[in-house]
C-alpha atoms as a PDB file:
ATOM      1  CA  UNK A   1     130.765 106.232  93.179  1.00  0.00           C
ATOM      2  CA  UNK A   2     129.636 103.286  95.359  1.00  0.00           C
ATOM      3  CA  UNK A   3     127.974 100.302  93.643  1.00  0.00           C
ATOM      4  CA  UNK A   4     124.856  99.594  95.494  1.00  0.00           C
ATOM      5  CA  UNK A   5     122.149  96.436  95.189  1.00  0.00           C
ATOM      6  CA  UNK A   6     118.561  96.959  96.414  1.00  0.00           C
ATOM      7  CA  UNK A   7     116.723  93.409  96.683  1.00  0.00           C
ATOM      8  CA  UNK A   8     112.680  94.003  96.343  1.00  0.00           C
ATOM      9  CA  UNK A   9     111.160  96.626  94.484  1.00  0.00           C
ATOM     10  CA  UNK A  10     108.378  97.715  97.123  1.00  0.00           C
ATOM     11  CA  UNK A  11     107.679 101.072  98.050  1.00  0.00           C
ATOM     12  CA  UNK A  12     110.759 100.588 100.205  1.00  0.00           C
ATOM     13  CA  UNK A  13     113.043  99.559  97.417  1.00  0.00           C
ATOM     14  CA  UNK A  14     112.144 102.328  94.792  1.00  0.00           C
ATOM     15  CA  UNK A  15     112.416 105.198  97.579  1.00  0.00           C
ATOM     16  CA  UNK A  16     115.778 103.611  98.408  1.00  0.00           C
ATOM     17  CA  UNK A  17     116.819 103.982  94.705  1.00  0.00           C
ATOM     18  CA  UNK A  18     114.996 107.782  94.534  1.00  0.00           C
ATOM     19  CA  UNK A  19     116.711 109.140  97.598  1.00  0.00           C
ATOM     20  CA  UNK A  20     120.173 107.668  96.647  1.00  0.00           C
ATOM     21  CA  UNK A  21     119.647 108.227  92.714  1.00  0.00           C
ATOM     22  CA  UNK A  22     123.028 109.895  91.198  1.00  0.00           C
ATOM     23  CA  UNK A  23     124.576 109.403  94.548  1.00  0.00           C
ATOM     24  CA  UNK A  24     125.334 105.892  94.099  1.00  0.00           C
ATOM     25  CA  UNK A  25     125.159 103.575  91.402  1.00  0.00           C
ATOM     26  CA  UNK A  26     122.178 101.415  92.188  1.00  0.00           C
ATOM     27  CA  UNK A  27     120.246  98.029  91.077  1.00  0.00           C
ATOM     28  CA  UNK A  28     117.167  97.242  92.169  1.00  0.00           C
ATOM     29  CA  UNK A  29     116.465  93.275  92.074  1.00  0.00           C
ATOM     30  CA  UNK A  30     112.921  92.464  91.964  1.00  0.00           C
ATOM     31  CA  UNK A  31     111.587  88.531  91.649  1.00  0.00           C
ATOM     32  CA  UNK A  32     108.423  89.422  90.180  1.00  0.00           C
ATOM     33  CA  UNK A  33     107.299  90.871  86.702  1.00  0.00           C
ATOM     34  CA  UNK A  34     106.614  94.346  87.708  1.00  0.00           C
ATOM     35  CA  UNK A  35     107.505  96.659  90.796  1.00  0.00           C
ATOM     36  CA  UNK A  36     105.250  97.460  93.457  1.00  0.00           C
ATOM     37  CA  UNK A  37     105.187  94.582  95.843  1.00  0.00           C
ATOM     38  CA  UNK A  38     101.983  94.809  97.849  1.00  0.00           C
ATOM     39  CA  UNK A  39     100.933  98.011  96.106  1.00  0.00           C
ATOM     40  CA  UNK A  40      99.575  95.765  93.384  1.00  0.00           C
ATOM     41  CA  UNK A  41      97.092  95.368  90.922  1.00  0.00           C
ATOM     42  CA  UNK A  42      95.589  92.207  88.910  1.00  0.00           C
ATOM     43  CA  UNK A  43      94.120  92.936  85.604  1.00  0.00           C
ATOM     44  CA  UNK A  44      91.823  90.313  83.768  1.00  0.00           C
ATOM     45  CA  UNK A  45      89.957  92.178  81.426  1.00  0.00           C
ATOM     46  CA  UNK A  46      87.593  93.798  81.995  1.00  0.00           C
ATOM     47  CA  UNK A  47      88.097  93.779  85.350  1.00  0.00           C
ATOM     48  CA  UNK A  48      90.862  95.188  87.398  1.00  0.00           C
ATOM     49  CA  UNK A  49      91.651  94.643  90.895  1.00  0.00           C
ATOM     50  CA  UNK A  50      93.880  96.598  93.511  1.00  0.00           C
ATOM     51  CA  UNK A  51      93.978  93.239  95.465  1.00  0.00           C
ATOM     52  CA  UNK A  52      97.071  94.534  98.315  1.00  0.00           C
ATOM     53  CA  UNK A  53      96.743  98.053  99.722  1.00  0.00           C
ATOM     54  CA  UNK A  54      93.907  99.635  98.527  1.00  0.00           C
ATOM     55  CA  UNK A  55      94.612 103.151  99.902  1.00  0.00           C
ATOM     56  CA  UNK A  56      97.469 104.432 102.367  1.00  0.00           C
ATOM     57  CA  UNK A  57      97.409 107.325 104.907  1.00  0.00           C
ATOM     58  CA  UNK A  58      99.969 110.261 104.441  1.00  0.00           C
ATOM     59  CA  UNK A  59     101.076 112.086 108.144  1.00  0.00           C
ATOM     60  CA  UNK A  60     104.675 112.542 107.663  1.00  0.00           C
ATOM     61  CA  UNK A  61     105.496 115.773 105.659  1.00  0.00           C
ATOM     62  CA  UNK A  62     108.648 114.348 103.904  1.00  0.00           C
ATOM     63  CA  UNK A  63     106.310 111.583 102.874  1.00  0.00           C
ATOM     64  CA  UNK A  64     103.803 113.989 101.482  1.00  0.00           C
ATOM     65  CA  UNK A  65     106.728 116.257  99.654  1.00  0.00           C
ATOM     66  CA  UNK A  66     107.853 112.968  98.149  1.00  0.00           C
ATOM     67  CA  UNK A  67     104.429 111.923  96.905  1.00  0.00           C
ATOM     68  CA  UNK A  68     103.852 115.681  95.472  1.00  0.00           C
ATOM     69  CA  UNK A  69     104.861 114.965  91.880  1.00  0.00           C
ATOM     70  CA  UNK A  70     102.120 111.829  91.957  1.00  0.00           C
ATOM     71  CA  UNK A  71      99.311 114.170  93.381  1.00  0.00           C
ATOM     72  CA  UNK A  72      99.854 117.044  90.711  1.00  0.00           C
ATOM     73  CA  UNK A  73     100.014 114.236  87.975  1.00  0.00           C
ATOM     74  CA  UNK A  74      96.576 112.638  89.239  1.00  0.00           C
ATOM     75  CA  UNK A  75      98.605 109.208  89.810  1.00  0.00           C
ATOM     76  CA  UNK A  76      96.896 109.479  93.503  1.00  0.00           C
ATOM     77  CA  UNK A  77      94.024 111.302  95.070  1.00  0.00           C
ATOM     78  CA  UNK A  78      92.451 111.810  98.482  1.00  0.00           C
ATOM     79  CA  UNK A  79      90.105 108.780  99.179  1.00  0.00           C
ATOM     80  CA  UNK A  80      86.434 109.304  99.063  1.00  0.00           C
ATOM     81  CA  UNK A  81      84.475 106.420 100.031  1.00  0.00           C
ATOM     82  CA  UNK A  82      81.413 105.165 102.299  1.00  0.00           C
ATOM     83  CA  UNK A  83      82.792 102.684 104.851  1.00  0.00           C
ATOM     84  CA  UNK A  84      80.835 100.662 107.144  1.00  0.00           C
ATOM     85  CA  UNK A  85      81.613  98.520 109.849  1.00  0.00           C
ATOM     86  CA  UNK A  86      79.972  95.130 110.627  1.00  0.00           C
ATOM     87  CA  UNK A  87      79.696  93.251 114.300  1.00  0.00           C
ATOM     88  CA  UNK A  88      77.406  90.194 114.865  1.00  0.00           C
ATOM     89  CA  UNK A  89      76.053  90.861 110.843  1.00  0.00           C
ATOM     90  CA  UNK A  90      74.847  94.002 112.010  1.00  0.00           C
ATOM     91  CA  UNK A  91      76.147  97.407 110.771  1.00  0.00           C
ATOM     92  CA  UNK A  92      77.513  99.276 113.684  1.00  0.00           C
ATOM     93  CA  UNK A  93      78.995 102.089 112.016  1.00  0.00           C
ATOM     94  CA  UNK A  94      79.173 103.977 108.765  1.00  0.00           C
ATOM     95  CA  UNK A  95      81.548 106.616 108.166  1.00  0.00           C
ATOM     96  CA  UNK A  96      82.132 109.099 105.247  1.00  0.00           C
ATOM     97  CA  UNK A  97      85.891 108.993 104.437  1.00  0.00           C
ATOM     98  CA  UNK A  98      86.745 112.316 102.861  1.00  0.00           C
ATOM     99  CA  UNK A  99      90.008 114.125 104.109  1.00  0.00           C
ATOM    100  CA  UNK A 100      93.656 114.660 103.355  1.00  0.00           C
ATOM    101  CA  UNK A 101      95.371 112.283 105.325  1.00  0.00           C
ATOM    102  CA  UNK A 102      94.052 109.098 103.362  1.00  0.00           C
ATOM    103  CA  UNK A 103      95.012 108.779  99.800  1.00  0.00           C
ATOM    104  CA  UNK A 104      94.723 106.078  96.577  1.00  0.00           C
ATOM    105  CA  UNK A 105      95.412 105.683  92.935  1.00  0.00           C
ATOM    106  CA  UNK A 106      93.271 107.179  90.580  1.00  0.00           C
ATOM    107  CA  UNK A 107      93.291 103.496  88.661  1.00  0.00           C
ATOM    108  CA  UNK A 108      95.927 101.156  89.450  1.00  0.00           C
ATOM    109  CA  UNK A 109      97.267 100.916  92.869  1.00  0.00           C
ATOM    110  CA  UNK A 110     100.945  99.830  91.055  1.00  0.00           C
ATOM    111  CA  UNK A 111     101.047 102.808  89.160  1.00  0.00           C
ATOM    112  CA  UNK A 112     102.022 104.824  92.179  1.00  0.00           C
ATOM    113  CA  UNK A 113     105.448 102.836  92.579  1.00  0.00           C
ATOM    114  CA  UNK A 114     105.945 102.493  88.589  1.00  0.00           C
ATOM    115  CA  UNK A 115     105.735 106.650  88.972  1.00  0.00           C
ATOM    116  CA  UNK A 116     108.421 106.528  91.091  1.00  0.00           C
ATOM    117  CA  UNK A 117     110.836 104.758  88.554  1.00  0.00           C
ATOM    118  CA  UNK A 118     113.378 106.742  86.295  1.00  0.00           C
ATOM    119  CA  UNK A 119     116.399 106.527  84.289  1.00  0.00           C
ATOM    120  CA  UNK A 120     118.766 106.992  87.401  1.00  0.00           C
ATOM    121  CA  UNK A 121     119.024 103.354  88.603  1.00  0.00           C
ATOM    122  CA  UNK A 122     118.790 100.101  87.132  1.00  0.00           C
ATOM    123  CA  UNK A 123     115.824  97.162  87.755  1.00  0.00           C
ATOM    124  CA  UNK A 124     115.691  93.546  86.893  1.00  0.00           C
ATOM    125  CA  UNK A 125     112.402  92.371  87.047  1.00  0.00           C
ATOM    126  CA  UNK A 126     111.813  88.420  87.191  1.00  0.00           C
ATOM    127  CA  UNK A 127     115.142  87.991  89.088  1.00  0.00           C
ATOM    128  CA  UNK A 128     114.913  86.444  92.384  1.00  0.00           C
ATOM    129  CA  UNK A 129     117.900  86.491  94.763  1.00  0.00           C
ATOM    130  CA  UNK A 130     118.342  83.369  96.351  1.00  0.00           C
ATOM    131  CA  UNK A 131     122.252  83.724  98.158  1.00  0.00           C
ATOM    132  CA  UNK A 132     124.513  86.483  98.621  1.00  0.00           C
ATOM    133  CA  UNK A 133     128.365  85.975  98.642  1.00  0.00           C
ATOM    134  CA  UNK A 134     130.730  88.312 100.271  1.00  0.00           C
ATOM    135  CA  UNK A 135     134.460  88.275  98.502  1.00  0.00           C
ATOM    136  CA  UNK A 136     136.972  90.832  98.879  1.00  0.00           C
ATOM    137  CA  UNK A 137     135.035  93.198 100.941  1.00  0.00           C
ATOM    138  CA  UNK A 138     132.663  93.386  98.156  1.00  0.00           C
ATOM    139  CA  UNK A 139     128.983  91.611  97.950  1.00  0.00           C
ATOM    140  CA  UNK A 140     127.864  89.133  94.995  1.00  0.00           C
ATOM    141  CA  UNK A 141     124.153  87.795  94.656  1.00  0.00           C
ATOM    142  CA  UNK A 142     123.187  84.679  93.081  1.00  0.00           C
ATOM    143  CA  UNK A 143     119.526  84.512  91.267  1.00  0.00           C
ATOM    144  CA  UNK A 144     117.612  81.339  91.216  1.00  0.00           C
ATOM    145  CA  UNK A 145     118.942  80.690  87.464  1.00  0.00           C
ATOM    146  CA  UNK A 146     122.510  80.500  89.207  1.00  0.00           C
ATOM    147  CA  UNK A 147     123.500  84.034  87.369  1.00  0.00           C
ATOM    148  CA  UNK A 148     125.996  86.411  89.570  1.00  0.00           C
ATOM    149  CA  UNK A 149     125.503  89.876  90.245  1.00  0.00           C
ATOM    150  CA  UNK A 150     128.651  92.021  91.441  1.00  0.00           C
ATOM    151  CA  UNK A 151     130.943  93.158  93.095  1.00  0.00           C
ATOM    152  CA  UNK A 152     128.773  95.865  95.412  1.00  0.00           C
ATOM    153  CA  UNK A 153     129.958  97.859  97.991  1.00  0.00           C
ATOM    154  CA  UNK A 154     126.814  97.791 100.056  1.00  0.00           C
ATOM    155  CA  UNK A 155     123.276  95.537 100.184  1.00  0.00           C
ATOM    156  CA  UNK A 156     120.072  96.409 100.955  1.00  0.00           C
ATOM    157  CA  UNK A 157     117.378  93.842 101.788  1.00  0.00           C
ATOM    158  CA  UNK A 158     114.044  95.185 101.646  1.00  0.00           C
ATOM    159  CA  UNK A 159     112.087  91.824 101.598  1.00  0.00           C
ATOM    160  CA  UNK A 160     110.135  90.228 104.103  1.00  0.00           C
ATOM    161  CA  UNK A 161     111.842  89.097 107.315  1.00  0.00           C
ATOM    162  CA  UNK A 162     111.267  85.399 106.554  1.00  0.00           C
ATOM    163  CA  UNK A 163     112.454  85.939 103.233  1.00  0.00           C
ATOM    164  CA  UNK A 164     115.254  88.366 103.993  1.00  0.00           C
ATOM    165  CA  UNK A 165     116.722  85.337 106.731  1.00  0.00           C
ATOM    166  CA  UNK A 166     117.335  83.005 103.915  1.00  0.00           C
ATOM    167  CA  UNK A 167     119.865  85.687 102.262  1.00  0.00           C
ATOM    168  CA  UNK A 168     121.726  86.889 105.351  1.00  0.00           C
ATOM    169  CA  UNK A 169     124.909  85.709 107.005  1.00  0.00           C
ATOM    170  CA  UNK A 170     124.516  83.914 109.967  1.00  0.00           C
ATOM    171  CA  UNK A 171     126.510  86.761 111.907  1.00  0.00           C
ATOM    172  CA  UNK A 172     124.472  90.085 110.491  1.00  0.00           C
ATOM    173  CA  UNK A 173     124.474  91.861 113.963  1.00  0.00           C
ATOM    174  CA  UNK A 174     120.559  92.110 114.112  1.00  0.00           C
ATOM    175  CA  UNK A 175     119.738  88.419 112.872  1.00  0.00           C
ATOM    176  CA  UNK A 176     118.296  87.489 116.537  1.00  0.00           C
ATOM    177  CA  UNK A 177     115.751  90.525 116.511  1.00  0.00           C
ATOM    178  CA  UNK A 178     114.401  89.516 112.720  1.00  0.00           C
ATOM    179  CA  UNK A 179     113.874  86.056 113.445  1.00  0.00           C
ATOM    180  CA  UNK A 180     111.511  87.085 116.426  1.00  0.00           C
ATOM    181  CA  UNK A 181     109.134  89.228 114.081  1.00  0.00           C
ATOM    182  CA  UNK A 182     105.948  87.546 112.913  1.00  0.00           C
ATOM    183  CA  UNK A 183     104.281  88.301 109.439  1.00  0.00           C
ATOM    184  CA  UNK A 184     100.478  87.700 109.108  1.00  0.00           C
ATOM    185  CA  UNK A 185      99.010  86.367 106.207  1.00  0.00           C
ATOM    186  CA  UNK A 186      95.943  86.624 104.030  1.00  0.00           C
ATOM    187  CA  UNK A 187      93.898  85.498 101.320  1.00  0.00           C
ATOM    188  CA  UNK A 188      92.619  88.134  98.567  1.00  0.00           C
ATOM    189  CA  UNK A 189      89.412  86.792  96.607  1.00  0.00           C
ATOM    190  CA  UNK A 190      88.572  89.040  93.601  1.00  0.00           C
ATOM    191  CA  UNK A 191      85.302  88.895  91.974  1.00  0.00           C
ATOM    192  CA  UNK A 192      84.111  90.146  88.877  1.00  0.00           C
ATOM    193  CA  UNK A 193      80.609  90.925  87.965  1.00  0.00           C
ATOM    194  CA  UNK A 194      78.419  92.481  84.819  1.00  0.00           C
ATOM    195  CA  UNK A 195      75.635  92.858  87.596  1.00  0.00           C
ATOM    196  CA  UNK A 196      75.630  93.165  91.113  1.00  0.00           C
ATOM    197  CA  UNK A 197      73.588  93.923  93.983  1.00  0.00           C
ATOM    198  CA  UNK A 198      73.888  97.838  94.580  1.00  0.00           C
ATOM    199  CA  UNK A 199      75.714  98.423  98.088  1.00  0.00           C
ATOM    200  CA  UNK A 200      75.298 101.550  99.943  1.00  0.00           C
ATOM    201  CA  UNK A 201      78.776 101.628 100.830  1.00  0.00           C
ATOM    202  CA  UNK A 202      82.362 101.506  99.038  1.00  0.00           C
ATOM    203  CA  UNK A 203      84.298  99.666 101.720  1.00  0.00           C
ATOM    204  CA  UNK A 204      83.481  97.030 104.608  1.00  0.00           C
ATOM    205  CA  UNK A 205      85.348  96.303 107.940  1.00  0.00           C
ATOM    206  CA  UNK A 206      84.127  92.762 109.394  1.00  0.00           C
ATOM    207  CA  UNK A 207      85.130  92.679 113.177  1.00  0.00           C
ATOM    208  CA  UNK A 208      84.058  88.989 113.768  1.00  0.00           C
ATOM    209  CA  UNK A 209      84.404  87.131 110.900  1.00  0.00           C
ATOM    210  CA  UNK A 210      86.353  84.834 108.912  1.00  0.00           C
ATOM    211  CA  UNK A 211      86.233  87.691 106.099  1.00  0.00           C
ATOM    212  CA  UNK A 212      87.985  90.663 107.205  1.00  0.00           C
ATOM    213  CA  UNK A 213      87.408  93.515 104.388  1.00  0.00           C
ATOM    214  CA  UNK A 214      85.144  94.048 101.706  1.00  0.00           C
ATOM    215  CA  UNK A 215      85.630  96.457  98.651  1.00  0.00           C
ATOM    216  CA  UNK A 216      83.538  97.023  95.596  1.00  0.00           C
ATOM    217  CA  UNK A 217      84.371  99.331  92.530  1.00  0.00           C
ATOM    218  CA  UNK A 218      82.912 100.420  89.641  1.00  0.00           C
ATOM    219  CA  UNK A 219      84.713 100.541  86.116  1.00  0.00           C
ATOM    220  CA  UNK A 220      82.501 101.784  83.059  1.00  0.00           C
ATOM    221  CA  UNK A 221      84.335 100.553  79.395  1.00  0.00           C
ATOM    222  CA  UNK A 222      82.392 101.355  76.573  1.00  0.00           C
ATOM    223  CA  UNK A 223      79.115 102.623  78.387  1.00  0.00           C
ATOM    224  CA  UNK A 224      78.884  99.289  79.940  1.00  0.00           C
ATOM    225  CA  UNK A 225      79.605  99.026  83.838  1.00  0.00           C
ATOM    226  CA  UNK A 226      81.721  96.069  85.297  1.00  0.00           C
ATOM    227  CA  UNK A 227      82.077  95.538  89.139  1.00  0.00           C
ATOM    228  CA  UNK A 228      84.802  94.527  91.048  1.00  0.00           C
ATOM    229  CA  UNK A 229      84.595  93.114  94.008  1.00  0.00           C
ATOM    230  CA  UNK A 230      87.777  92.231  96.657  1.00  0.00           C
ATOM    231  CA  UNK A 231      87.493  90.024  99.572  1.00  0.00           C
ATOM    232  CA  UNK A 232      90.094  89.918 102.128  1.00  0.00           C
ATOM    233  CA  UNK A 233      90.243  87.114 104.659  1.00  0.00           C
ATOM    234  CA  UNK A 234      90.950  87.619 108.165  1.00  0.00           C
ATOM    235  CA  UNK A 235      94.418  86.601 109.541  1.00  0.00           C
ATOM    236  CA  UNK A 236      93.619  83.841 111.981  1.00  0.00           C
ATOM    237  CA  UNK A 237      91.410  82.475 109.095  1.00  0.00           C
ATOM    238  CA  UNK A 238      94.224  82.377 106.353  1.00  0.00           C
ATOM    239  CA  UNK A 239      97.048  80.859 108.773  1.00  0.00           C
ATOM    240  CA  UNK A 240      94.493  78.361 109.817  1.00  0.00           C
ATOM    241  CA  UNK A 241      93.777  77.430 105.598  1.00  0.00           C
ATOM    242  CA  UNK A 242      97.287  78.067 104.285  1.00  0.00           C
ATOM    243  CA  UNK A 243      97.169  74.373 102.576  1.00  0.00           C
ATOM    244  CA  UNK A 244      93.495  74.221 101.716  1.00  0.00           C
ATOM    245  CA  UNK A 245      91.898  73.950  98.557  1.00  0.00           C
ATOM    246  CA  UNK A 246      91.781  77.408  96.804  1.00  0.00           C
ATOM    247  CA  UNK A 247      88.353  76.718  95.347  1.00  0.00           C
ATOM    248  CA  UNK A 248      86.795  75.473  98.993  1.00  0.00           C
ATOM    249  CA  UNK A 249      88.579  78.930 100.349  1.00  0.00           C
ATOM    250  CA  UNK A 250      87.064  80.841  97.590  1.00  0.00           C
ATOM    251  CA  UNK A 251      83.609  79.283  98.359  1.00  0.00           C
ATOM    252  CA  UNK A 252      83.363  79.575 101.933  1.00  0.00           C
ATOM    253  CA  UNK A 253      84.782  83.274 101.946  1.00  0.00           C
ATOM    254  CA  UNK A 254      81.902  83.923  99.261  1.00  0.00           C
ATOM    255  CA  UNK A 255      78.855  82.250 101.211  1.00  0.00           C
ATOM    256  CA  UNK A 256      80.361  84.202 104.564  1.00  0.00           C
ATOM    257  CA  UNK A 257      80.157  87.976 103.072  1.00  0.00           C
ATOM    258  CA  UNK A 258      76.405  86.601 101.183  1.00  0.00           C
ATOM    259  CA  UNK A 259      75.293  85.244 104.381  1.00  0.00           C
ATOM    260  CA  UNK A 260      76.149  88.652 106.242  1.00  0.00           C
ATOM    261  CA  UNK A 261      75.114  90.975 103.211  1.00  0.00           C
ATOM    262  CA  UNK A 262      72.024  89.068 102.320  1.00  0.00           C
ATOM    263  CA  UNK A 263      72.913  88.921  98.754  1.00  0.00           C
ATOM    264  CA  UNK A 264      74.047  86.377  95.718  1.00  0.00           C
ATOM    265  CA  UNK A 265      77.658  86.538  94.967  1.00  0.00           C
ATOM    266  CA  UNK A 266      77.803  83.077  92.707  1.00  0.00           C
ATOM    267  CA  UNK A 267      76.884  84.981  89.581  1.00  0.00           C
ATOM    268  CA  UNK A 268      80.538  86.096  89.088  1.00  0.00           C
ATOM    269  CA  UNK A 269      82.150  86.269  86.106  1.00  0.00           C
ATOM    270  CA  UNK A 270      85.552  85.998  87.126  1.00  0.00           C
ATOM    271  CA  UNK A 271      87.147  84.597  89.886  1.00  0.00           C
ATOM    272  CA  UNK A 272      90.726  84.543  91.466  1.00  0.00           C
ATOM    273  CA  UNK A 273      92.344  83.949  94.867  1.00  0.00           C
ATOM    274  CA  UNK A 274      95.766  85.023  95.709  1.00  0.00           C
ATOM    275  CA  UNK A 275      97.486  84.099  99.049  1.00  0.00           C
ATOM    276  CA  UNK A 276      99.530  87.152 100.944  1.00  0.00           C
ATOM    277  CA  UNK A 277     102.070  84.761 102.669  1.00  0.00           C
ATOM    278  CA  UNK A 278     103.455  88.119 104.258  1.00  0.00           C
ATOM    279  CA  UNK A 279     100.775  90.454 104.262  1.00  0.00           C
ATOM    280  CA  UNK A 280     101.318  92.350 107.669  1.00  0.00           C
ATOM    281  CA  UNK A 281     103.692  92.988 110.632  1.00  0.00           C
ATOM    282  CA  UNK A 282     102.029  91.366 113.875  1.00  0.00           C
ATOM    283  CA  UNK A 283     103.077  94.550 115.593  1.00  0.00           C
ATOM    284  CA  UNK A 284     104.482  97.646 114.989  1.00  0.00           C
ATOM    285  CA  UNK A 285     107.928  97.474 115.412  1.00  0.00           C
ATOM    286  CA  UNK A 286     109.284 101.069 115.162  1.00  0.00           C
ATOM    287  CA  UNK A 287     112.705  99.531 113.962  1.00  0.00           C
ATOM    288  CA  UNK A 288     113.846 102.248 111.354  1.00  0.00           C
ATOM    289  CA  UNK A 289     116.189  99.860 109.821  1.00  0.00           C
ATOM    290  CA  UNK A 290     118.872  97.577 110.557  1.00  0.00           C
ATOM    291  CA  UNK A 291     122.468  98.446 109.914  1.00  0.00           C
ATOM    292  CA  UNK A 292     125.458  96.414 109.948  1.00  0.00           C
ATOM    293  CA  UNK A 293     128.208  98.237 109.275  1.00  0.00           C
ATOM    294  CA  UNK A 294     130.875  95.587 109.234  1.00  0.00           C
ATOM    295  CA  UNK A 295     128.998  93.403 106.984  1.00  0.00           C
ATOM    296  CA  UNK A 296     127.879  96.470 104.826  1.00  0.00           C
ATOM    297  CA  UNK A 297     124.315  95.077 104.717  1.00  0.00           C
ATOM    298  CA  UNK A 298     121.292  97.446 105.545  1.00  0.00           C
ATOM    299  CA  UNK A 299     117.838  95.768 106.390  1.00  0.00           C
ATOM    300  CA  UNK A 300     114.868  97.657 105.880  1.00  0.00           C
ATOM    301  CA  UNK A 301     111.192  97.659 104.821  1.00  0.00           C
ATOM    302  CA  UNK A 302     107.670  98.584 106.424  1.00  0.00           C
ATOM    303  CA  UNK A 303     107.702  95.608 108.917  1.00  0.00           C
ATOM    304  CA  UNK A 304     110.504  97.581 110.449  1.00  0.00           C
ATOM    305  CA  UNK A 305     107.981 100.367 111.420  1.00  0.00           C
ATOM    306  CA  UNK A 306     104.010  99.875 111.310  1.00  0.00           C
ATOM    307  CA  UNK A 307     103.864  97.605 108.319  1.00  0.00           C
ATOM    308  CA  UNK A 308     101.772 100.578 106.091  1.00  0.00           C
ATOM    309  CA  UNK A 309     102.844 102.178 102.900  1.00  0.00           C
ATOM    310  CA  UNK A 310     103.986 105.358 104.692  1.00  0.00           C
ATOM    311  CA  UNK A 311     106.114 102.813 107.139  1.00  0.00           C
ATOM    312  CA  UNK A 312     107.803 101.710 104.039  1.00  0.00           C
ATOM    313  CA  UNK A 313     108.934 105.306 103.029  1.00  0.00           C
ATOM    314  CA  UNK A 314     110.189 105.991 106.403  1.00  0.00           C
ATOM    315  CA  UNK A 315     112.301 102.852 106.581  1.00  0.00           C
ATOM    316  CA  UNK A 316     113.498 103.767 103.744  1.00  0.00           C
ATOM    317  CA  UNK A 317     114.546 107.199 104.351  1.00  0.00           C
ATOM    318  CA  UNK A 318     116.013 105.986 107.767  1.00  0.00           C
ATOM    319  CA  UNK A 319     118.388 103.525 105.946  1.00  0.00           C
ATOM    320  CA  UNK A 320     119.162 105.916 103.047  1.00  0.00           C
ATOM    321  CA  UNK A 321     120.714 108.466 105.708  1.00  0.00           C
ATOM    322  CA  UNK A 322     122.594 106.014 107.447  1.00  0.00           C
ATOM    323  CA  UNK A 323     124.133 104.884 104.294  1.00  0.00           C
ATOM    324  CA  UNK A 324     125.030 108.333 103.110  1.00  0.00           C
ATOM    325  CA  UNK A 325     127.283 108.806 106.373  1.00  0.00           C
ATOM    326  CA  UNK A 326     129.546 106.131 105.159  1.00  0.00           C
ATOM    327  CA  UNK A 327     129.862 106.859 101.511  1.00  0.00           C
END
């Protein structure tokens, strides 16, 4: 069987591993300590935050079939939420989300990708790939500790385009296309409370503020209630304050939400700020995946499609079908 390396263990990379398992010898390389990418969960006991994607839409039947085992095992469930939209500090719309198109994790969002991992492929965590080398028609990849892995017949790159460019060869057929793609940034502020004002909504979309999104989740541990509040900045705010002080950014976002919702949010017990440098593609790209048959490299990811979780699956599916024509 062919030896294949996949760089990135988000939804795209792990989908590839599932679609190609038993057809190739496959190893996934991931720079973080866990799989999931932006389907991420941050724990700060007793608080827990899904600080990346908090829900996702399923419209494609193959994607639904792919996730069916997770539905049956109650890893994911239909989203039920009261959502409001705010403009000029006023609620202009209130919606009850309860249908079979939107899904979320039963608890931890990263459990979605974790439950797609099995023993038919290998994963190397805490392994940041910084260089790729082609020798005698075989690929070798070098990590940040200068450890070399290989040889591989094919190379899949599923990381954001800015990072992909750093390890792609200059003669990659679609390099100019990738260079033109823009990713938007976002701050995610995580606040943990023992007590907080009772809101009549679960999620809020801000249409004209430096804050873009807010969600509140309650968790009961030993009969005690804990409240997990997540605040996402707008893309424009993040890009203007990329080098700003974390404390100043956090305080500003807290004040913004406090003023708009007329509530006190400074009595938090836990505070953490995460910067998503490559949170979302600027526009829908509908590229599928990018295959260079001469180099034997395939680039794919949610940013190749619509930037959504389902887009990551569809890009991986497109990439896997292309590879199978060559092996």
